[in-house]
PDB file of N, CA and C in Angstrom:
ATOM      1  N   MET A   1       7.361  13.939 -18.662  1.00  0.00           N
ATOM      2  CA  MET A   1       6.928  13.629 -17.202  1.00  0.00           C
ATOM      3  C   MET A   1       8.336  13.186 -16.421  1.00  0.00           C
ATOM      4  N   LEU A   2       9.250  12.378 -17.004  1.00  0.00           N
ATOM      5  CA  LEU A   2      10.409  11.883 -16.367  1.00  0.00           C
ATOM      6  C   LEU A   2      11.634  12.286 -17.003  1.00  0.00           C
ATOM      7  N   PRO A   3      12.073  13.742 -17.005  1.00  0.00           N
ATOM      8  CA  PRO A   3      13.054  14.312 -17.858  1.00  0.00           C
ATOM      9  C   PRO A   3      14.405  13.655 -17.540  1.00  0.00           C
ATOM     10  N   ASN A   4      14.676  13.088 -16.314  1.00  0.00           N
ATOM     11  CA  ASN A   4      16.017  12.741 -15.981  1.00  0.00           C
ATOM     12  C   ASN A   4      16.127  11.161 -15.947  1.00  0.00           C
ATOM     13  N   LEU A   5      15.184  10.459 -16.279  1.00  0.00           N
ATOM     14  CA  LEU A   5      15.230   8.974 -16.460  1.00  0.00           C
ATOM     15  C   LEU A   5      16.144   8.482 -17.483  1.00  0.00           C
ATOM     16  N   LYS A   6      16.030   9.130 -18.671  1.00  0.00           N
ATOM     17  CA  LYS A   6      17.067   8.801 -19.743  1.00  0.00           C
ATOM     18  C   LYS A   6      18.614   9.093 -19.229  1.00  0.00           C
ATOM     19  N   LEU A   7      18.748  10.200 -18.696  1.00  0.00           N
ATOM     20  CA  LEU A   7      20.048  10.614 -18.193  1.00  0.00           C
ATOM     21  C   LEU A   7      20.560   9.695 -17.265  1.00  0.00           C
ATOM     22  N   LEU A   8      19.797   9.302 -16.336  1.00  0.00           N
ATOM     23  CA  LEU A   8      20.281   8.347 -15.329  1.00  0.00           C
ATOM     24  C   LEU A   8      20.582   6.954 -15.815  1.00  0.00           C
ATOM     25  N   ARG A   9      19.756   6.429 -16.654  1.00  0.00           N
ATOM     26  CA  ARG A   9      19.847   5.168 -17.370  1.00  0.00           C
ATOM     27  C   ARG A   9      21.224   5.184 -18.218  1.00  0.00           C
ATOM     28  N   LYS A  10      21.476   6.218 -18.867  1.00  0.00           N
ATOM     29  CA  LYS A  10      22.690   6.379 -19.689  1.00  0.00           C
ATOM     30  C   LYS A  10      23.843   6.415 -18.877  1.00  0.00           C
ATOM     31  N   GLU A  11      23.836   7.116 -17.560  1.00  0.00           N
ATOM     32  CA  GLU A  11      24.906   7.229 -16.749  1.00  0.00           C
ATOM     33  C   GLU A  11      25.030   5.830 -16.097  1.00  0.00           C
ATOM     34  N   TYR A  12      24.331   5.153 -15.780  1.00  0.00           N
ATOM     35  CA  TYR A  12      24.416   3.779 -15.354  1.00  0.00           C
ATOM     36  C   TYR A  12      24.845   2.847 -16.401  1.00  0.00           C
ATOM     37  N   GLY A  13      24.794   3.205 -17.631  1.00  0.00           N
ATOM     38  CA  GLY A  13      25.208   2.408 -18.639  1.00  0.00           C
ATOM     39  C   GLY A  13      24.302   1.093 -18.944  1.00  0.00           C
ATOM     40  N   ILE A  14      23.003   1.291 -18.694  1.00  0.00           N
ATOM     41  CA  ILE A  14      21.984   0.432 -18.893  1.00  0.00           C
ATOM     42  C   ILE A  14      21.142   0.551 -19.889  1.00  0.00           C
ATOM     43  N   SER A  15      20.591  -0.596 -20.562  1.00  0.00           N
ATOM     44  CA  SER A  15      19.513  -0.286 -21.717  1.00  0.00           C
ATOM     45  C   SER A  15      18.149  -0.336 -21.110  1.00  0.00           C
ATOM     46  N   GLN A  16      17.303   0.111 -21.790  1.00  0.00           N
ATOM     47  CA  GLN A  16      15.947   0.147 -21.420  1.00  0.00           C
ATOM     48  C   GLN A  16      15.471  -1.227 -21.144  1.00  0.00           C
ATOM     49  N   GLN A  17      15.903  -2.304 -21.830  1.00  0.00           N
ATOM     50  CA  GLN A  17      15.505  -3.628 -21.578  1.00  0.00           C
ATOM     51  C   GLN A  17      15.949  -3.858 -20.091  1.00  0.00           C
ATOM     52  N   LEU A  18      17.332  -3.739 -19.783  1.00  0.00           N
ATOM     53  CA  LEU A  18      17.718  -4.016 -18.467  1.00  0.00           C
ATOM     54  C   LEU A  18      16.897  -3.349 -17.256  1.00  0.00           C
ATOM     55  N   LEU A  19      16.649  -2.122 -17.494  1.00  0.00           N
ATOM     56  CA  LEU A  19      15.974  -1.439 -16.324  1.00  0.00           C
ATOM     57  C   LEU A  19      14.599  -2.025 -16.492  1.00  0.00           C
ATOM     58  N   ALA A  20      14.014  -2.263 -17.457  1.00  0.00           N
ATOM     59  CA  ALA A  20      12.626  -2.822 -17.522  1.00  0.00           C
ATOM     60  C   ALA A  20      12.584  -4.215 -16.745  1.00  0.00           C
ATOM     61  N   ASP A  21      13.616  -4.987 -17.120  1.00  0.00           N
ATOM     62  CA  ASP A  21      13.768  -6.392 -16.220  1.00  0.00           C
ATOM     63  C   ASP A  21      13.943  -6.166 -14.797  1.00  0.00           C
ATOM     64  N   THR A  22      14.706  -5.122 -14.458  1.00  0.00           N
ATOM     65  CA  THR A  22      14.789  -4.814 -12.979  1.00  0.00           C
ATOM     66  C   THR A  22      13.764  -4.412 -12.421  1.00  0.00           C
ATOM     67  N   LEU A  23      12.965  -3.473 -12.947  1.00  0.00           N
ATOM     68  CA  LEU A  23      11.589  -2.924 -12.293  1.00  0.00           C
ATOM     69  C   LEU A  23      10.393  -3.867 -12.544  1.00  0.00           C
ATOM     70  N   GLY A  24      10.613  -4.799 -13.431  1.00  0.00           N
ATOM     71  CA  GLY A  24       9.357  -5.828 -13.597  1.00  0.00           C
ATOM     72  C   GLY A  24       8.381  -5.366 -14.503  1.00  0.00           C
ATOM     73  N   ILE A  25       8.762  -4.373 -15.573  1.00  0.00           N
ATOM     74  CA  ILE A  25       7.847  -3.772 -16.577  1.00  0.00           C
ATOM     75  C   ILE A  25       8.460  -4.126 -17.771  1.00  0.00           C
ATOM     76  N   SER A  26       7.652  -3.533 -18.811  1.00  0.00           N
ATOM     77  CA  SER A  26       8.157  -3.936 -20.208  1.00  0.00           C
ATOM     78  C   SER A  26       9.166  -2.797 -20.851  1.00  0.00           C
ATOM     79  N   GLN A  27       9.787  -3.294 -21.667  1.00  0.00           N
ATOM     80  CA  GLN A  27      10.868  -2.291 -22.426  1.00  0.00           C
ATOM     81  C   GLN A  27      10.082  -1.144 -22.999  1.00  0.00           C
ATOM     82  N   GLN A  28       8.840  -1.541 -23.511  1.00  0.00           N
ATOM     83  CA  GLN A  28       7.993  -0.498 -24.151  1.00  0.00           C
ATOM     84  C   GLN A  28       7.614   0.563 -23.217  1.00  0.00           C
ATOM     85  N   SER A  29       7.392   0.172 -21.765  1.00  0.00           N
ATOM     86  CA  SER A  29       6.856   1.089 -20.930  1.00  0.00           C
ATOM     87  C   SER A  29       8.062   2.002 -20.537  1.00  0.00           C
ATOM     88  N   VAL A  30       9.301   1.670 -20.460  1.00  0.00           N
ATOM     89  CA  VAL A  30      10.448   2.522 -20.103  1.00  0.00           C
ATOM     90  C   VAL A  30      10.593   3.447 -21.405  1.00  0.00           C
ATOM     91  N   ASN A  31      10.427   3.071 -22.569  1.00  0.00           N
ATOM     92  CA  ASN A  31      10.570   3.907 -23.622  1.00  0.00           C
ATOM     93  C   ASN A  31       9.526   4.970 -23.629  1.00  0.00           C
ATOM     94  N   GLN A  32       8.302   4.571 -23.229  1.00  0.00           N
ATOM     95  CA  GLN A  32       7.155   5.582 -23.169  1.00  0.00           C
ATOM     96  C   GLN A  32       7.416   6.424 -22.153  1.00  0.00           C
ATOM     97  N   TYR A  33       7.956   5.993 -20.929  1.00  0.00           N
ATOM     98  CA  TYR A  33       8.301   6.927 -19.921  1.00  0.00           C
ATOM     99  C   TYR A  33       9.355   8.061 -20.291  1.00  0.00           C
ATOM    100  N   GLU A  34      10.442   7.644 -21.039  1.00  0.00           N
ATOM    101  CA  GLU A  34      11.292   8.424 -21.541  1.00  0.00           C
ATOM    102  C   GLU A  34      10.927   9.292 -22.558  1.00  0.00           C
ATOM    103  N   ASN A  35       9.950   8.985 -23.211  1.00  0.00           N
ATOM    104  CA  ASN A  35       9.511   9.899 -24.300  1.00  0.00           C
ATOM    105  C   ASN A  35       8.148  10.657 -24.069  1.00  0.00           C
ATOM    106  N   ARG A  36       7.858  10.539 -22.774  1.00  0.00           N
ATOM    107  CA  ARG A  36       6.799  11.282 -22.217  1.00  0.00           C
ATOM    108  C   ARG A  36       5.378  11.000 -22.744  1.00  0.00           C
ATOM    109  N   GLU A  37       5.134   9.658 -23.059  1.00  0.00           N
ATOM    110  CA  GLU A  37       3.978   9.255 -23.671  1.00  0.00           C
ATOM    111  C   GLU A  37       3.017   8.791 -22.534  1.00  0.00           C
ATOM    112  N   ILE A  38       3.575   8.185 -21.434  1.00  0.00           N
ATOM    113  CA  ILE A  38       2.772   7.665 -20.367  1.00  0.00           C
ATOM    114  C   ILE A  38       3.565   7.905 -19.145  1.00  0.00           C
ATOM    115  N   GLU A  39       2.860   7.856 -17.937  1.00  0.00           N
ATOM    116  CA  GLU A  39       3.465   8.280 -16.769  1.00  0.00           C
ATOM    117  C   GLU A  39       3.373   7.134 -15.793  1.00  0.00           C
ATOM    118  N   PRO A  40       4.380   6.700 -15.125  1.00  0.00           N
ATOM    119  CA  PRO A  40       4.608   5.477 -14.370  1.00  0.00           C
ATOM    120  C   PRO A  40       3.648   5.663 -13.148  1.00  0.00           C
ATOM    121  N   ASP A  41       3.216   4.611 -12.375  1.00  0.00           N
ATOM    122  CA  ASP A  41       2.688   4.764 -11.146  1.00  0.00           C
ATOM    123  C   ASP A  41       3.562   4.961 -10.039  1.00  0.00           C
ATOM    124  N   ILE A  42       3.113   5.371  -8.768  1.00  0.00           N
ATOM    125  CA  ILE A  42       4.031   5.712  -7.766  1.00  0.00           C
ATOM    126  C   ILE A  42       5.098   4.498  -7.379  1.00  0.00           C
ATOM    127  N   ALA A  43       4.450   3.227  -7.308  1.00  0.00           N
ATOM    128  CA  ALA A  43       5.243   2.198  -6.999  1.00  0.00           C
ATOM    129  C   ALA A  43       6.420   1.978  -7.889  1.00  0.00           C
ATOM    130  N   THR A  44       6.195   2.254  -9.250  1.00  0.00           N
ATOM    131  CA  THR A  44       7.320   2.067 -10.218  1.00  0.00           C
ATOM    132  C   THR A  44       8.286   3.322  -9.986  1.00  0.00           C
ATOM    133  N   LEU A  45       7.805   4.704  -9.885  1.00  0.00           N
ATOM    134  CA  LEU A  45       8.641   5.611  -9.545  1.00  0.00           C
ATOM    135  C   LEU A  45       9.612   5.265  -8.282  1.00  0.00           C
ATOM    136  N   SER A  46       9.010   4.834  -7.266  1.00  0.00           N
ATOM    137  CA  SER A  46       9.640   4.589  -6.089  1.00  0.00           C
ATOM    138  C   SER A  46      10.897   3.527  -6.446  1.00  0.00           C
ATOM    139  N   GLN A  47      10.690   2.503  -7.179  1.00  0.00           N
ATOM    140  CA  GLN A  47      11.433   1.582  -7.579  1.00  0.00           C
ATOM    141  C   GLN A  47      12.649   2.148  -8.193  1.00  0.00           C
ATOM    142  N   MET A  48      12.166   3.018  -9.217  1.00  0.00           N
ATOM    143  CA  MET A  48      13.356   3.790 -10.032  1.00  0.00           C
ATOM    144  C   MET A  48      14.278   4.545  -9.072  1.00  0.00           C
ATOM    145  N   ALA A  49      13.599   5.310  -8.151  1.00  0.00           N
ATOM    146  CA  ALA A  49      14.357   5.967  -7.266  1.00  0.00           C
ATOM    147  C   ALA A  49      15.256   5.177  -6.408  1.00  0.00           C
ATOM    148  N   ASP A  50      14.897   3.921  -5.938  1.00  0.00           N
ATOM    149  CA  ASP A  50      15.764   3.184  -5.294  1.00  0.00           C
ATOM    150  C   ASP A  50      16.908   2.616  -6.077  1.00  0.00           C
ATOM    151  N   TYR A  51      16.486   2.151  -7.314  1.00  0.00           N
ATOM    152  CA  TYR A  51      17.426   1.667  -8.259  1.00  0.00           C
ATOM    153  C   TYR A  51      18.520   2.736  -8.573  1.00  0.00           C
ATOM    154  N   PHE A  52      18.336   3.844  -8.768  1.00  0.00           N
ATOM    155  CA  PHE A  52      19.126   4.883  -9.038  1.00  0.00           C
ATOM    156  C   PHE A  52      19.727   5.680  -8.050  1.00  0.00           C
ATOM    157  N   GLU A  53      19.437   5.430  -6.654  1.00  0.00           N
ATOM    158  CA  GLU A  53      19.775   5.940  -5.529  1.00  0.00           C
ATOM    159  C   GLU A  53      19.473   7.519  -5.379  1.00  0.00           C
ATOM    160  N   THR A  54      18.508   7.826  -5.847  1.00  0.00           N
ATOM    161  CA  THR A  54      18.104   9.218  -6.028  1.00  0.00           C
ATOM    162  C   THR A  54      16.534   9.470  -5.507  1.00  0.00           C
ATOM    163  N   SER A  55      15.952  10.486  -5.720  1.00  0.00           N
ATOM    164  CA  SER A  55      14.619  10.736  -5.135  1.00  0.00           C
ATOM    165  C   SER A  55      13.735  10.789  -6.385  1.00  0.00           C
ATOM    166  N   ILE A  56      12.395  10.573  -6.097  1.00  0.00           N
ATOM    167  CA  ILE A  56      11.379  10.763  -7.156  1.00  0.00           C
ATOM    168  C   ILE A  56      11.422  11.982  -7.787  1.00  0.00           C
ATOM    169  N   ASP A  57      11.570  13.200  -6.820  1.00  0.00           N
ATOM    170  CA  ASP A  57      11.601  14.474  -7.237  1.00  0.00           C
ATOM    171  C   ASP A  57      12.692  14.834  -8.314  1.00  0.00           C
ATOM    172  N   TYR A  58      13.761  14.051  -8.218  1.00  0.00           N
ATOM    173  CA  TYR A  58      14.908  14.305  -9.274  1.00  0.00           C
ATOM    174  C   TYR A  58      14.424  13.589 -10.545  1.00  0.00           C
ATOM    175  N   ILE A  59      13.876  12.504 -10.375  1.00  0.00           N
ATOM    176  CA  ILE A  59      13.577  11.728 -11.741  1.00  0.00           C
ATOM    177  C   ILE A  59      12.539  12.468 -12.450  1.00  0.00           C
ATOM    178  N   VAL A  60      11.557  13.001 -11.762  1.00  0.00           N
ATOM    179  CA  VAL A  60      10.476  13.822 -12.481  1.00  0.00           C
ATOM    180  C   VAL A  60      10.771  15.172 -12.703  1.00  0.00           C
ATOM    181  N   GLY A  61      12.162  15.535 -12.517  1.00  0.00           N
ATOM    182  CA  GLY A  61      12.410  17.084 -12.769  1.00  0.00           C
ATOM    183  C   GLY A  61      12.098  18.085 -11.835  1.00  0.00           C
ATOM    184  N   ARG A  62      11.685  17.706 -10.531  1.00  0.00           N
ATOM    185  CA  ARG A  62      11.152  18.840  -9.486  1.00  0.00           C
ATOM    186  C   ARG A  62      12.507  19.449  -8.867  1.00  0.00           C
ATOM    187  N   THR A  63      13.543  18.743  -8.922  1.00  0.00           N
ATOM    188  CA  THR A  63      14.646  19.254  -8.189  1.00  0.00           C
ATOM    189  C   THR A  63      15.917  18.852  -9.029  1.00  0.00           C
ATOM    190  N   ASP A  64      16.816  19.796  -8.853  1.00  0.00           N
ATOM    191  CA  ASP A  64      18.374  19.276  -9.462  1.00  0.00           C
ATOM    192  C   ASP A  64      19.173  18.605  -8.431  1.00  0.00           C
ATOM    193  N   ILE A  65      18.651  18.380  -7.131  1.00  0.00           N
ATOM    194  CA  ILE A  65      19.431  17.636  -6.151  1.00  0.00           C
ATOM    195  C   ILE A  65      19.377  16.147  -6.392  1.00  0.00           C
ATOM    196  N   ARG A  66      20.476  15.484  -6.766  1.00  0.00           N
ATOM    197  CA  ARG A  66      20.407  14.187  -7.130  1.00  0.00           C
ATOM    198  C   ARG A  66      20.531  13.095  -6.055  1.00  0.00           C
ATOM    199  N   ARG A  67      20.808  13.570  -4.828  1.00  0.00           N
ATOM    200  CA  ARG A  67      21.096  12.515  -3.808  1.00  0.00           C
ATOM    201  C   ARG A  67      19.669  12.243  -3.370  1.00  0.00           C
ATOM    202  N   ARG A  68      19.577  11.048  -2.774  1.00  0.00           N
ATOM    203  CA  ARG A  68      18.351  10.564  -2.018  1.00  0.00           C
ATOM    204  C   ARG A  68      17.906  11.440  -0.868  1.00  0.00           C
ATOM    205  N   ILE A  69      16.687  11.821  -0.891  1.00  0.00           N
ATOM    206  CA  ILE A  69      16.201  12.731   0.218  1.00  0.00           C
ATOM    207  C   ILE A  69      16.079  11.683   1.383  1.00  0.00           C
ATOM    208  N   GLU A  70      16.723  11.931   2.429  1.00  0.00           N
ATOM    209  CA  GLU A  70      16.673  11.080   3.699  1.00  0.00           C
ATOM    210  C   GLU A  70      15.980  12.023   4.923  1.00  0.00           C
ATOM    211  N   ARG A  71      15.627  11.196   5.972  1.00  0.00           N
ATOM    212  CA  ARG A  71      14.994  11.757   7.000  1.00  0.00           C
ATOM    213  C   ARG A  71      16.082  12.729   7.733  1.00  0.00           C
ATOM    214  N   THR A  72      15.589  13.855   8.055  1.00  0.00           N
ATOM    215  CA  THR A  72      16.627  14.863   8.773  1.00  0.00           C
ATOM    216  C   THR A  72      16.062  15.188  10.108  1.00  0.00           C
ATOM    217  N   LEU A  73      17.144  15.647  10.913  1.00  0.00           N
ATOM    218  CA  LEU A  73      16.893  16.153  12.237  1.00  0.00           C
ATOM    219  C   LEU A  73      17.093  17.618  12.178  1.00  0.00           C
ATOM    220  N   PRO A  74      16.444  18.274  12.923  1.00  0.00           N
ATOM    221  CA  PRO A  74      16.559  19.899  13.128  1.00  0.00           C
ATOM    222  C   PRO A  74      17.642  20.117  13.903  1.00  0.00           C
ATOM    223  N   TYR A  75      18.728  20.546  13.273  1.00  0.00           N
ATOM    224  CA  TYR A  75      19.904  21.123  13.929  1.00  0.00           C
ATOM    225  C   TYR A  75      19.928  22.619  13.638  1.00  0.00           C
ATOM    226  N   TYR A  76      20.511  23.441  14.377  1.00  0.00           N
ATOM    227  CA  TYR A  76      20.552  24.836  14.146  1.00  0.00           C
ATOM    228  C   TYR A  76      22.139  25.209  14.174  1.00  0.00           C
ATOM    229  N   LEU A  77      22.625  25.215  12.861  1.00  0.00           N
ATOM    230  CA  LEU A  77      23.987  25.234  12.477  1.00  0.00           C
ATOM    231  C   LEU A  77      24.376  26.892  12.317  1.00  0.00           C
ATOM    232  N   ASN A  78      25.718  27.060  12.873  1.00  0.00           N
ATOM    233  CA  ASN A  78      26.226  28.202  12.507  1.00  0.00           C
ATOM    234  C   ASN A  78      26.896  28.066  11.005  1.00  0.00           C
ATOM    235  N   ASP A  79      27.503  29.166  10.516  1.00  0.00           N
ATOM    236  CA  ASP A  79      27.830  29.145   9.031  1.00  0.00           C
ATOM    237  C   ASP A  79      29.000  28.017   8.932  1.00  0.00           C
ATOM    238  N   GLU A  80      29.972  28.043   9.928  1.00  0.00           N
ATOM    239  CA  GLU A  80      31.078  27.110   9.708  1.00  0.00           C
ATOM    240  C   GLU A  80      30.395  25.585   9.713  1.00  0.00           C
ATOM    241  N   GLU A  81      29.579  25.419  10.581  1.00  0.00           N
ATOM    242  CA  GLU A  81      29.151  23.899  10.704  1.00  0.00           C
ATOM    243  C   GLU A  81      28.346  23.612   9.340  1.00  0.00           C
ATOM    244  N   GLY A  82      27.629  24.584   8.982  1.00  0.00           N
ATOM    245  CA  GLY A  82      26.783  24.493   7.590  1.00  0.00           C
ATOM    246  C   GLY A  82      27.702  24.118   6.376  1.00  0.00           C
ATOM    247  N   GLU A  83      28.742  24.757   6.487  1.00  0.00           N
ATOM    248  CA  GLU A  83      29.689  24.502   5.343  1.00  0.00           C
ATOM    249  C   GLU A  83      30.315  23.125   5.489  1.00  0.00           C
ATOM    250  N   ILE A  84      30.669  22.660   6.617  1.00  0.00           N
ATOM    251  CA  ILE A  84      31.242  21.343   6.845  1.00  0.00           C
ATOM    252  C   ILE A  84      30.274  20.416   6.311  1.00  0.00           C
ATOM    253  N   ILE A  85      28.831  20.682   6.661  1.00  0.00           N
ATOM    254  CA  ILE A  85      27.996  19.551   6.127  1.00  0.00           C
ATOM    255  C   ILE A  85      27.789  19.689   4.751  1.00  0.00           C
ATOM    256  N   ASN A  86      28.018  20.867   4.118  1.00  0.00           N
ATOM    257  CA  ASN A  86      27.794  20.848   2.482  1.00  0.00           C
ATOM    258  C   ASN A  86      29.191  20.281   2.065  1.00  0.00           C
ATOM    259  N   ARG A  87      30.308  20.547   2.558  1.00  0.00           N
ATOM    260  CA  ARG A  87      31.499  19.849   2.045  1.00  0.00           C
ATOM    261  C   ARG A  87      31.305  18.235   2.141  1.00  0.00           C
ATOM    262  N   TYR A  88      30.785  17.725   3.238  1.00  0.00           N
ATOM    263  CA  TYR A  88      30.635  16.378   3.579  1.00  0.00           C
ATOM    264  C   TYR A  88      29.668  15.605   2.574  1.00  0.00           C
ATOM    265  N   ARG A  89      28.591  16.451   2.262  1.00  0.00           N
ATOM    266  CA  ARG A  89      27.673  15.831   1.319  1.00  0.00           C
ATOM    267  C   ARG A  89      28.128  15.901   0.010  1.00  0.00           C
ATOM    268  N   ALA A  90      29.312  16.430  -0.298  1.00  0.00           N
ATOM    269  CA  ALA A  90      29.901  16.443  -1.687  1.00  0.00           C
ATOM    270  C   ALA A  90      30.798  15.312  -1.919  1.00  0.00           C
ATOM    271  N   LEU A  91      31.155  14.742  -0.686  1.00  0.00           N
ATOM    272  CA  LEU A  91      32.094  13.574  -0.968  1.00  0.00           C
ATOM    273  C   LEU A  91      31.420  12.258  -1.449  1.00  0.00           C
ATOM    274  N   THR A  92      32.306  11.442  -1.964  1.00  0.00           N
ATOM    275  CA  THR A  92      31.748  10.102  -2.361  1.00  0.00           C
ATOM    276  C   THR A  92      31.589   9.195  -1.109  1.00  0.00           C
ATOM    277  N   PRO A  93      30.896   8.213  -1.231  1.00  0.00           N
ATOM    278  CA  PRO A  93      30.791   7.169  -0.089  1.00  0.00           C
ATOM    279  C   PRO A  93      32.015   6.736   0.543  1.00  0.00           C
ATOM    280  N   LYS A  94      32.934   6.471  -0.242  1.00  0.00           N
ATOM    281  CA  LYS A  94      34.055   5.964   0.376  1.00  0.00           C
ATOM    282  C   LYS A  94      34.915   7.066   1.126  1.00  0.00           C
ATOM    283  N   GLN A  95      34.892   8.291   0.611  1.00  0.00           N
ATOM    284  CA  GLN A  95      35.405   9.395   1.398  1.00  0.00           C
ATOM    285  C   GLN A  95      34.796   9.717   2.756  1.00  0.00           C
ATOM    286  N   ARG A  96      33.421   9.538   2.714  1.00  0.00           N
ATOM    287  CA  ARG A  96      32.570   9.752   3.884  1.00  0.00           C
ATOM    288  C   ARG A  96      33.031   8.710   4.915  1.00  0.00           C
ATOM    289  N   GLN A  97      33.323   7.483   4.573  1.00  0.00           N
ATOM    290  CA  GLN A  97      33.555   6.489   5.456  1.00  0.00           C
ATOM    291  C   GLN A  97      34.958   6.756   6.179  1.00  0.00           C
ATOM    292  N   CYS A  98      35.891   7.366   5.362  1.00  0.00           N
ATOM    293  CA  CYS A  98      37.317   7.820   5.743  1.00  0.00           C
ATOM    294  C   CYS A  98      37.033   8.986   6.765  1.00  0.00           C
ATOM    295  N   ILE A  99      36.188   9.794   6.551  1.00  0.00           N
ATOM    296  CA  ILE A  99      35.746  10.971   7.535  1.00  0.00           C
ATOM    297  C   ILE A  99      35.382  10.238   8.830  1.00  0.00           C
ATOM    298  N   SER A 100      34.407   9.351   8.626  1.00  0.00           N
ATOM    299  CA  SER A 100      33.914   8.698   9.987  1.00  0.00           C
ATOM    300  C   SER A 100      34.763   8.126  10.597  1.00  0.00           C
ATOM    301  N   GLN A 101      35.874   7.432   9.988  1.00  0.00           N
ATOM    302  CA  GLN A 101      36.839   6.630  10.773  1.00  0.00           C
ATOM    303  C   GLN A 101      37.770   7.772  11.528  1.00  0.00           C
ATOM    304  N   VAL A 102      38.176   8.812  10.882  1.00  0.00           N
ATOM    305  CA  VAL A 102      38.852   9.851  11.600  1.00  0.00           C
ATOM    306  C   VAL A 102      38.042  10.497  12.728  1.00  0.00           C
ATOM    307  N   ILE A 103      36.897  10.653  12.569  1.00  0.00           N
ATOM    308  CA  ILE A 103      36.192  11.171  13.674  1.00  0.00           C
ATOM    309  C   ILE A 103      36.170  10.070  14.755  1.00  0.00           C
ATOM    310  N   ASP A 104      35.901   8.965  14.566  1.00  0.00           N
ATOM    311  CA  ASP A 104      35.776   7.908  15.493  1.00  0.00           C
ATOM    312  C   ASP A 104      37.086   7.881  16.291  1.00  0.00           C
ATOM    313  N   THR A 105      38.333   7.918  15.557  1.00  0.00           N
ATOM    314  CA  THR A 105      39.507   7.943  16.167  1.00  0.00           C
ATOM    315  C   THR A 105      39.850   8.992  17.006  1.00  0.00           C
ATOM    316  N   LEU A 106      39.462  10.295  16.538  1.00  0.00           N
ATOM    317  CA  LEU A 106      39.599  11.535  17.341  1.00  0.00           C
ATOM    318  C   LEU A 106      38.647  11.318  18.619  1.00  0.00           C
ATOM    319  N   MET A 107      37.455  10.786  18.642  1.00  0.00           N
ATOM    320  CA  MET A 107      36.502  10.641  19.671  1.00  0.00           C
ATOM    321  C   MET A 107      36.989   9.687  20.773  1.00  0.00           C
ATOM    322  N   ASP A 108      37.831   8.770  20.314  1.00  0.00           N
ATOM    323  CA  ASP A 108      38.327   7.552  21.262  1.00  0.00           C
ATOM    324  C   ASP A 108      39.425   8.247  22.211  1.00  0.00           C
ATOM    325  N   LYS A 109      40.062   9.337  21.866  1.00  0.00           N
ATOM    326  CA  LYS A 109      41.013   9.863  22.467  1.00  0.00           C
ATOM    327  C   LYS A 109      40.548  10.833  23.757  1.00  0.00           C
TER     328      LYS A 109
END
C-alpha cells in the first residue's frame, strides 16, 4: 500500500520509532505500513505527507512526482513560459528564493 514510505523514511534518515513518535502512532504500525500488512487512515496519510513535504499520492505510489501538490491557477503558457516553470520547479527552495529576489529587483526598476 505504501511503497514509498520506507524510501522517504530512509532518505530523511529517521527510524520507524521516530516517525511513529512524530505521527503519534506505534512503531509496529509504521512497520506494518511499510510491509503492506495494514493500511493507515487518511489522517495518518495526511500527516505523513506533511512531514515528508510530499503528496499522499506519492506515498501510496500513484505518482512519481515527489513535490507536494499545491493549489494551481489556470494559466495558458506558451512553450517558453512552460519551460521556465519546469526549470523553476527543479530548483531547491534556496534557489527559488534567489530567483524571487532577482525578479523583485527587476520589477522595482
